[in-house]
Amino acid sequence: MDPLSLFGLFAVSAMLAFYALEPRGPIYILGFAASCALGSAYGFAQGAWPFGLVEAVWSLVALRRYLAARKGHSDAAR
């Protein structure tokens, strides 16, 4: 397996793991957003720009979810 494929495997594995862990707290949503960004980089690096573009959008969506969850999490702590 070449380095690019290993990177892609890591990115999508991290996406799956962080997605499954999201109910445990906002930090896992942030991890999902970061792993989506890695997935996007992988998509662009391998020349699959539609995949890279969609993963970039997912990263932004997850980042917005993280910010909303963090705000809600800090409100609940009060």
PDB file of N, CA and C in Angstrom:
ATOM      1  N   MET A   1       0.855  -1.170   0.000  1.00  0.00           N
ATOM      2  CA  MET A   1       0.000   0.000   0.000  1.00  0.00           C
ATOM      3  C   MET A   1       0.905   1.238   0.000  1.00  0.00           C
ATOM      4  N   ASP A   2       0.593   2.175  -0.866  1.00  0.00           N
ATOM      5  CA  ASP A   2       1.415   3.386  -0.963  1.00  0.00           C
ATOM      6  C   ASP A   2       1.055   4.385   0.149  1.00  0.00           C
ATOM      7  N   PRO A   3       1.915   5.375   0.388  1.00  0.00           N
ATOM      8  CA  PRO A   3       1.675   6.336   1.474  1.00  0.00           C
ATOM      9  C   PRO A   3       0.351   7.102   1.341  1.00  0.00           C
ATOM     10  N   LEU A   4      -0.035   7.436   0.122  1.00  0.00           N
ATOM     11  CA  LEU A   4      -1.288   8.167  -0.059  1.00  0.00           C
ATOM     12  C   LEU A   4      -2.481   7.304   0.353  1.00  0.00           C
ATOM     13  N   SER A   5      -2.458   6.035   0.000  1.00  0.00           N
ATOM     14  CA  SER A   5      -3.545   5.133   0.399  1.00  0.00           C
ATOM     15  C   SER A   5      -3.585   4.949   1.913  1.00  0.00           C
ATOM     16  N   LEU A   6      -2.421   4.871   2.544  1.00  0.00           N
ATOM     17  CA  LEU A   6      -2.373   4.764   4.002  1.00  0.00           C
ATOM     18  C   LEU A   6      -2.955   6.021   4.664  1.00  0.00           C
ATOM     19  N   PHE A   7      -2.625   7.170   4.092  1.00  0.00           N
ATOM     20  CA  PHE A   7      -3.176   8.422   4.604  1.00  0.00           C
ATOM     21  C   PHE A   7      -4.694   8.430   4.474  1.00  0.00           C
ATOM     22  N   GLY A   8      -5.201   8.003   3.330  1.00  0.00           N
ATOM     23  CA  GLY A   8      -6.644   7.936   3.120  1.00  0.00           C
ATOM     24  C   GLY A   8      -7.314   6.971   4.082  1.00  0.00           C
ATOM     25  N   LEU A   9      -6.696   5.821   4.301  1.00  0.00           N
ATOM     26  CA  LEU A   9      -7.234   4.856   5.247  1.00  0.00           C
ATOM     27  C   LEU A   9      -7.283   5.442   6.654  1.00  0.00           C
ATOM     28  N   PHE A  10      -6.223   6.142   7.037  1.00  0.00           N
ATOM     29  CA  PHE A  10      -6.212   6.791   8.344  1.00  0.00           C
ATOM     30  C   PHE A  10      -7.332   7.831   8.449  1.00  0.00           C
ATOM     31  N   ALA A  11      -7.485   8.659   7.409  1.00  0.00           N
ATOM     32  CA  ALA A  11      -8.482   9.738   7.431  1.00  0.00           C
ATOM     33  C   ALA A  11      -9.894   9.181   7.581  1.00  0.00           C
ATOM     34  N   VAL A  12     -10.254   8.207   6.770  1.00  0.00           N
ATOM     35  CA  VAL A  12     -11.629   7.691   6.842  1.00  0.00           C
ATOM     36  C   VAL A  12     -11.849   6.845   8.095  1.00  0.00           C
ATOM     37  N   SER A  13     -10.810   6.191   8.591  1.00  0.00           N
ATOM     38  CA  SER A  13     -10.937   5.448   9.852  1.00  0.00           C
ATOM     39  C   SER A  13     -11.160   6.409  11.010  1.00  0.00           C
ATOM     40  N   ALA A  14     -10.438   7.521  11.004  1.00  0.00           N
ATOM     41  CA  ALA A  14     -10.626   8.538  12.039  1.00  0.00           C
ATOM     42  C   ALA A  14     -12.025   9.142  11.951  1.00  0.00           C
ATOM     43  N   MET A  15     -12.509   9.363  10.738  1.00  0.00           N
ATOM     44  CA  MET A  15     -13.864   9.883  10.571  1.00  0.00           C
ATOM     45  C   MET A  15     -14.879   8.949  11.218  1.00  0.00           C
ATOM     46  N   LEU A  16     -14.753   7.665  10.954  1.00  0.00           N
ATOM     47  CA  LEU A  16     -15.674   6.684  11.505  1.00  0.00           C
ATOM     48  C   LEU A  16     -15.600   6.662  13.036  1.00  0.00           C
ATOM     49  N   ALA A  17     -14.391   6.636  13.563  1.00  0.00           N
ATOM     50  CA  ALA A  17     -14.220   6.575  15.015  1.00  0.00           C
ATOM     51  C   ALA A  17     -14.793   7.817  15.697  1.00  0.00           C
ATOM     52  N   PHE A  18     -14.448   8.995  15.195  1.00  0.00           N
ATOM     53  CA  PHE A  18     -14.938  10.219  15.824  1.00  0.00           C
ATOM     54  C   PHE A  18     -16.450  10.370  15.665  1.00  0.00           C
ATOM     55  N   TYR A  19     -16.994   9.926  14.539  1.00  0.00           N
ATOM     56  CA  TYR A  19     -18.447   9.979  14.347  1.00  0.00           C
ATOM     57  C   TYR A  19     -19.146   9.116  15.398  1.00  0.00           C
ATOM     58  N   ALA A  20     -18.600   7.940  15.641  1.00  0.00           N
ATOM     59  CA  ALA A  20     -19.191   7.038  16.631  1.00  0.00           C
ATOM     60  C   ALA A  20     -19.077   7.601  18.047  1.00  0.00           C
ATOM     61  N   LEU A  21     -18.041   8.388  18.307  1.00  0.00           N
ATOM     62  CA  LEU A  21     -17.799   8.930  19.648  1.00  0.00           C
ATOM     63  C   LEU A  21     -18.462  10.288  19.895  1.00  0.00           C
ATOM     64  N   GLU A  22     -19.070  10.877  18.874  1.00  0.00           N
ATOM     65  CA  GLU A  22     -19.655  12.218  19.017  1.00  0.00           C
ATOM     66  C   GLU A  22     -20.583  12.392  20.212  1.00  0.00           C
ATOM     67  N   PRO A  23     -21.416  11.409  20.570  1.00  0.00           N
ATOM     68  CA  PRO A  23     -22.302  11.622  21.728  1.00  0.00           C
ATOM     69  C   PRO A  23     -21.565  11.832  23.054  1.00  0.00           C
ATOM     70  N   ARG A  24     -20.291  11.509  23.101  1.00  0.00           N
ATOM     71  CA  ARG A  24     -19.526  11.654  24.346  1.00  0.00           C
ATOM     72  C   ARG A  24     -19.111  13.090  24.643  1.00  0.00           C
ATOM     73  N   GLY A  25     -19.197  13.967  23.657  1.00  0.00           N
ATOM     74  CA  GLY A  25     -18.858  15.364  23.925  1.00  0.00           C
ATOM     75  C   GLY A  25     -18.420  16.113  22.686  1.00  0.00           C
ATOM     76  N   PRO A  26     -18.417  17.447  22.786  1.00  0.00           N
ATOM     77  CA  PRO A  26     -18.079  18.298  21.646  1.00  0.00           C
ATOM     78  C   PRO A  26     -16.679  18.065  21.083  1.00  0.00           C
ATOM     79  N   ILE A  27     -15.739  17.650  21.904  1.00  0.00           N
ATOM     80  CA  ILE A  27     -14.374  17.457  21.410  1.00  0.00           C
ATOM     81  C   ILE A  27     -14.327  16.389  20.315  1.00  0.00           C
ATOM     82  N   TYR A  28     -15.227  15.413  20.388  1.00  0.00           N
ATOM     83  CA  TYR A  28     -15.266  14.368  19.367  1.00  0.00           C
ATOM     84  C   TYR A  28     -15.881  14.888  18.060  1.00  0.00           C
ATOM     85  N   ILE A  29     -16.754  15.872  18.170  1.00  0.00           N
ATOM     86  CA  ILE A  29     -17.286  16.516  16.965  1.00  0.00           C
ATOM     87  C   ILE A  29     -16.159  17.287  16.278  1.00  0.00           C
ATOM     88  N   LEU A  30     -15.322  17.937  17.079  1.00  0.00           N
ATOM     89  CA  LEU A  30     -14.161  18.637  16.524  1.00  0.00           C
ATOM     90  C   LEU A  30     -13.207  17.638  15.861  1.00  0.00           C
ATOM     91  N   GLY A  31     -13.010  16.490  16.478  1.00  0.00           N
ATOM     92  CA  GLY A  31     -12.190  15.440  15.869  1.00  0.00           C
ATOM     93  C   GLY A  31     -12.768  14.964  14.551  1.00  0.00           C
ATOM     94  N   PHE A  32     -14.089  14.863  14.488  1.00  0.00           N
ATOM     95  CA  PHE A  32     -14.739  14.479  13.239  1.00  0.00           C
ATOM     96  C   PHE A  32     -14.510  15.547  12.173  1.00  0.00           C
ATOM     97  N   ALA A  33     -14.627  16.816  12.562  1.00  0.00           N
ATOM     98  CA  ALA A  33     -14.391  17.900  11.608  1.00  0.00           C
ATOM     99  C   ALA A  33     -12.960  17.856  11.077  1.00  0.00           C
ATOM    100  N   ALA A  34     -12.009  17.628  11.966  1.00  0.00           N
ATOM    101  CA  ALA A  34     -10.602  17.557  11.547  1.00  0.00           C
ATOM    102  C   ALA A  34     -10.361  16.355  10.631  1.00  0.00           C
ATOM    103  N   SER A  35     -10.965  15.216  10.958  1.00  0.00           N
ATOM    104  CA  SER A  35     -10.762  14.037  10.117  1.00  0.00           C
ATOM    105  C   SER A  35     -11.446  14.206   8.761  1.00  0.00           C
ATOM    106  N   CYS A  36     -12.552  14.946   8.711  1.00  0.00           N
ATOM    107  CA  CYS A  36     -13.170  15.262   7.416  1.00  0.00           C
ATOM    108  C   CYS A  36     -12.234  16.141   6.583  1.00  0.00           C
ATOM    109  N   ALA A  37     -11.544  17.069   7.241  1.00  0.00           N
ATOM    110  CA  ALA A  37     -10.573  17.907   6.528  1.00  0.00           C
ATOM    111  C   ALA A  37      -9.438  17.046   5.976  1.00  0.00           C
ATOM    112  N   LEU A  38      -8.996  16.054   6.753  1.00  0.00           N
ATOM    113  CA  LEU A  38      -7.975  15.126   6.254  1.00  0.00           C
ATOM    114  C   LEU A  38      -8.514  14.321   5.078  1.00  0.00           C
ATOM    115  N   GLY A  39      -9.765  13.895   5.167  1.00  0.00           N
ATOM    116  CA  GLY A  39     -10.391  13.181   4.058  1.00  0.00           C
ATOM    117  C   GLY A  39     -10.474  14.043   2.814  1.00  0.00           C
ATOM    118  N   SER A  40     -10.742  15.323   3.003  1.00  0.00           N
ATOM    119  CA  SER A  40     -10.779  16.253   1.882  1.00  0.00           C
ATOM    120  C   SER A  40      -9.406  16.378   1.240  1.00  0.00           C
ATOM    121  N   ALA A  41      -8.387  16.522   2.069  1.00  0.00           N
ATOM    122  CA  ALA A  41      -7.017  16.608   1.542  1.00  0.00           C
ATOM    123  C   ALA A  41      -6.668  15.348   0.756  1.00  0.00           C
ATOM    124  N   TYR A  42      -7.071  14.204   1.278  1.00  0.00           N
ATOM    125  CA  TYR A  42      -6.835  12.941   0.575  1.00  0.00           C
ATOM    126  C   TYR A  42      -7.538  12.922  -0.775  1.00  0.00           C
ATOM    127  N   GLY A  43      -8.791  13.347  -0.803  1.00  0.00           N
ATOM    128  CA  GLY A  43      -9.542  13.373  -2.059  1.00  0.00           C
ATOM    129  C   GLY A  43      -8.876  14.246  -3.110  1.00  0.00           C
ATOM    130  N   PHE A  44      -8.459  15.435  -2.705  1.00  0.00           N
ATOM    131  CA  PHE A  44      -7.783  16.316  -3.656  1.00  0.00           C
ATOM    132  C   PHE A  44      -6.429  15.750  -4.074  1.00  0.00           C
ATOM    133  N   ALA A  45      -5.704  15.153  -3.127  1.00  0.00           N
ATOM    134  CA  ALA A  45      -4.379  14.608  -3.437  1.00  0.00           C
ATOM    135  C   ALA A  45      -4.444  13.442  -4.424  1.00  0.00           C
ATOM    136  N   GLN A  46      -5.505  12.664  -4.352  1.00  0.00           N
ATOM    137  CA  GLN A  46      -5.613  11.540  -5.270  1.00  0.00           C
ATOM    138  C   GLN A  46      -6.296  11.916  -6.582  1.00  0.00           C
ATOM    139  N   GLY A  47      -6.735  13.152  -6.682  1.00  0.00           N
ATOM    140  CA  GLY A  47      -7.335  13.620  -7.926  1.00  0.00           C
ATOM    141  C   GLY A  47      -8.838  13.437  -7.995  1.00  0.00           C
ATOM    142  N   ALA A  48      -9.462  13.071  -6.889  1.00  0.00           N
ATOM    143  CA  ALA A  48     -10.919  12.906  -6.848  1.00  0.00           C
ATOM    144  C   ALA A  48     -11.520  14.178  -6.245  1.00  0.00           C
ATOM    145  N   TRP A  49     -11.521  15.245  -7.036  1.00  0.00           N
ATOM    146  CA  TRP A  49     -11.937  16.532  -6.505  1.00  0.00           C
ATOM    147  C   TRP A  49     -13.386  16.556  -6.008  1.00  0.00           C
ATOM    148  N   PRO A  50     -14.335  15.793  -6.592  1.00  0.00           N
ATOM    149  CA  PRO A  50     -15.684  15.817  -5.996  1.00  0.00           C
ATOM    150  C   PRO A  50     -15.683  15.293  -4.554  1.00  0.00           C
ATOM    151  N   PHE A  51     -14.927  14.226  -4.303  1.00  0.00           N
ATOM    152  CA  PHE A  51     -14.803  13.691  -2.949  1.00  0.00           C
ATOM    153  C   PHE A  51     -14.147  14.721  -2.038  1.00  0.00           C
ATOM    154  N   GLY A  52     -13.090  15.345  -2.512  1.00  0.00           N
ATOM    155  CA  GLY A  52     -12.404  16.366  -1.726  1.00  0.00           C
ATOM    156  C   GLY A  52     -13.312  17.532  -1.392  1.00  0.00           C
ATOM    157  N   LEU A  53     -14.115  17.946  -2.353  1.00  0.00           N
ATOM    158  CA  LEU A  53     -15.034  19.063  -2.145  1.00  0.00           C
ATOM    159  C   LEU A  53     -16.122  18.710  -1.135  1.00  0.00           C
ATOM    160  N   VAL A  54     -16.716  17.543  -1.275  1.00  0.00           N
ATOM    161  CA  VAL A  54     -17.775  17.132  -0.357  1.00  0.00           C
ATOM    162  C   VAL A  54     -17.224  16.972   1.064  1.00  0.00           C
ATOM    163  N   GLU A  55     -16.053  16.403   1.197  1.00  0.00           N
ATOM    164  CA  GLU A  55     -15.455  16.253   2.525  1.00  0.00           C
ATOM    165  C   GLU A  55     -15.132  17.612   3.146  1.00  0.00           C
ATOM    166  N   ALA A  56     -14.736  18.581   2.320  1.00  0.00           N
ATOM    167  CA  ALA A  56     -14.483  19.932   2.829  1.00  0.00           C
ATOM    168  C   ALA A  56     -15.778  20.545   3.375  1.00  0.00           C
ATOM    169  N   VAL A  57     -16.872  20.336   2.662  1.00  0.00           N
ATOM    170  CA  VAL A  57     -18.170  20.840   3.133  1.00  0.00           C
ATOM    171  C   VAL A  57     -18.559  20.143   4.438  1.00  0.00           C
ATOM    172  N   TRP A  58     -18.380  18.813   4.502  1.00  0.00           N
ATOM    173  CA  TRP A  58     -18.677  18.083   5.739  1.00  0.00           C
ATOM    174  C   TRP A  58     -17.839  18.612   6.897  1.00  0.00           C
ATOM    175  N   SER A  59     -16.606  18.960   6.625  1.00  0.00           N
ATOM    176  CA  SER A  59     -15.745  19.503   7.666  1.00  0.00           C
ATOM    177  C   SER A  59     -16.322  20.809   8.211  1.00  0.00           C
ATOM    178  N   LEU A  60     -16.791  21.660   7.326  1.00  0.00           N
ATOM    179  CA  LEU A  60     -17.389  22.929   7.761  1.00  0.00           C
ATOM    180  C   LEU A  60     -18.686  22.700   8.528  1.00  0.00           C
ATOM    181  N   VAL A  61     -19.497  21.770   8.070  1.00  0.00           N
ATOM    182  CA  VAL A  61     -20.745  21.445   8.774  1.00  0.00           C
ATOM    183  C   VAL A  61     -20.432  20.932  10.180  1.00  0.00           C
ATOM    184  N   ALA A  62     -19.462  20.035  10.280  1.00  0.00           N
ATOM    185  CA  ALA A  62     -19.092  19.492  11.587  1.00  0.00           C
ATOM    186  C   ALA A  62     -18.502  20.574  12.485  1.00  0.00           C
ATOM    187  N   LEU A  63     -17.750  21.490  11.920  1.00  0.00           N
ATOM    188  CA  LEU A  63     -17.193  22.585  12.716  1.00  0.00           C
ATOM    189  C   LEU A  63     -18.313  23.459  13.282  1.00  0.00           C
ATOM    190  N   ARG A  64     -19.328  23.729  12.493  1.00  0.00           N
ATOM    191  CA  ARG A  64     -20.483  24.495  12.991  1.00  0.00           C
ATOM    192  C   ARG A  64     -21.206  23.733  14.090  1.00  0.00           C
ATOM    193  N   ARG A  65     -21.327  22.413  13.923  1.00  0.00           N
ATOM    194  CA  ARG A  65     -21.961  21.588  14.955  1.00  0.00           C
ATOM    195  C   ARG A  65     -21.140  21.618  16.237  1.00  0.00           C
ATOM    196  N   TYR A  66     -19.808  21.583  16.093  1.00  0.00           N
ATOM    197  CA  TYR A  66     -18.930  21.658  17.262  1.00  0.00           C
ATOM    198  C   TYR A  66     -19.142  22.972  18.009  1.00  0.00           C
ATOM    199  N   LEU A  67     -19.155  24.083  17.280  1.00  0.00           N
ATOM    200  CA  LEU A  67     -19.329  25.386  17.921  1.00  0.00           C
ATOM    201  C   LEU A  67     -20.672  25.476  18.633  1.00  0.00           C
ATOM    202  N   ALA A  68     -21.721  24.948  18.007  1.00  0.00           N
ATOM    203  CA  ALA A  68     -23.043  24.954  18.637  1.00  0.00           C
ATOM    204  C   ALA A  68     -23.065  24.042  19.864  1.00  0.00           C
ATOM    205  N   ALA A  69     -22.451  22.881  19.765  1.00  0.00           N
ATOM    206  CA  ALA A  69     -22.431  21.939  20.883  1.00  0.00           C
ATOM    207  C   ALA A  69     -21.594  22.484  22.031  1.00  0.00           C
ATOM    208  N   ARG A  70     -20.493  23.140  21.710  1.00  0.00           N
ATOM    209  CA  ARG A  70     -19.645  23.719  22.756  1.00  0.00           C
ATOM    210  C   ARG A  70     -20.400  24.812  23.502  1.00  0.00           C
ATOM    211  N   LYS A  71     -21.138  25.621  22.765  1.00  0.00           N
ATOM    212  CA  LYS A  71     -21.928  26.676  23.387  1.00  0.00           C
ATOM    213  C   LYS A  71     -23.000  26.062  24.283  1.00  0.00           C
ATOM    214  N   GLY A  72     -23.684  25.035  23.772  1.00  0.00           N
ATOM    215  CA  GLY A  72     -24.702  24.358  24.561  1.00  0.00           C
ATOM    216  C   GLY A  72     -24.112  23.633  25.753  1.00  0.00           C
ATOM    217  N   HIS A  73     -22.933  23.080  25.581  1.00  0.00           N
ATOM    218  CA  HIS A  73     -22.264  22.358  26.662  1.00  0.00           C
ATOM    219  C   HIS A  73     -21.852  23.305  27.780  1.00  0.00           C
ATOM    220  N   SER A  74     -21.374  24.496  27.412  1.00  0.00           N
ATOM    221  CA  SER A  74     -20.973  25.459  28.447  1.00  0.00           C
ATOM    222  C   SER A  74     -22.198  26.058  29.130  1.00  0.00           C
ATOM    223  N   ASP A  75     -23.306  26.208  28.386  1.00  0.00           N
ATOM    224  CA  ASP A  75     -24.542  26.702  29.009  1.00  0.00           C
ATOM    225  C   ASP A  75     -25.080  25.697  30.016  1.00  0.00           C
ATOM    226  N   ALA A  76     -24.947  24.393  29.713  1.00  0.00           N
ATOM    227  CA  ALA A  76     -25.442  23.342  30.597  1.00  0.00           C
ATOM    228  C   ALA A  76     -24.605  23.260  31.866  1.00  0.00           C
ATOM    229  N   ALA A  77     -23.362  23.684  31.794  1.00  0.00           N
ATOM    230  CA  ALA A  77     -22.466  23.611  32.954  1.00  0.00           C
ATOM    231  C   ALA A  77     -22.763  24.703  33.967  1.00  0.00           C
ATOM    232  N   ARG A  78     -23.513  25.697  33.579  1.00  0.00           N
ATOM    233  CA  ARG A  78     -23.820  26.831  34.484  1.00  0.00           C
ATOM    234  C   ARG A  78     -24.904  26.505  35.452  1.00  0.00           C
TER     235      ARG A  78
END
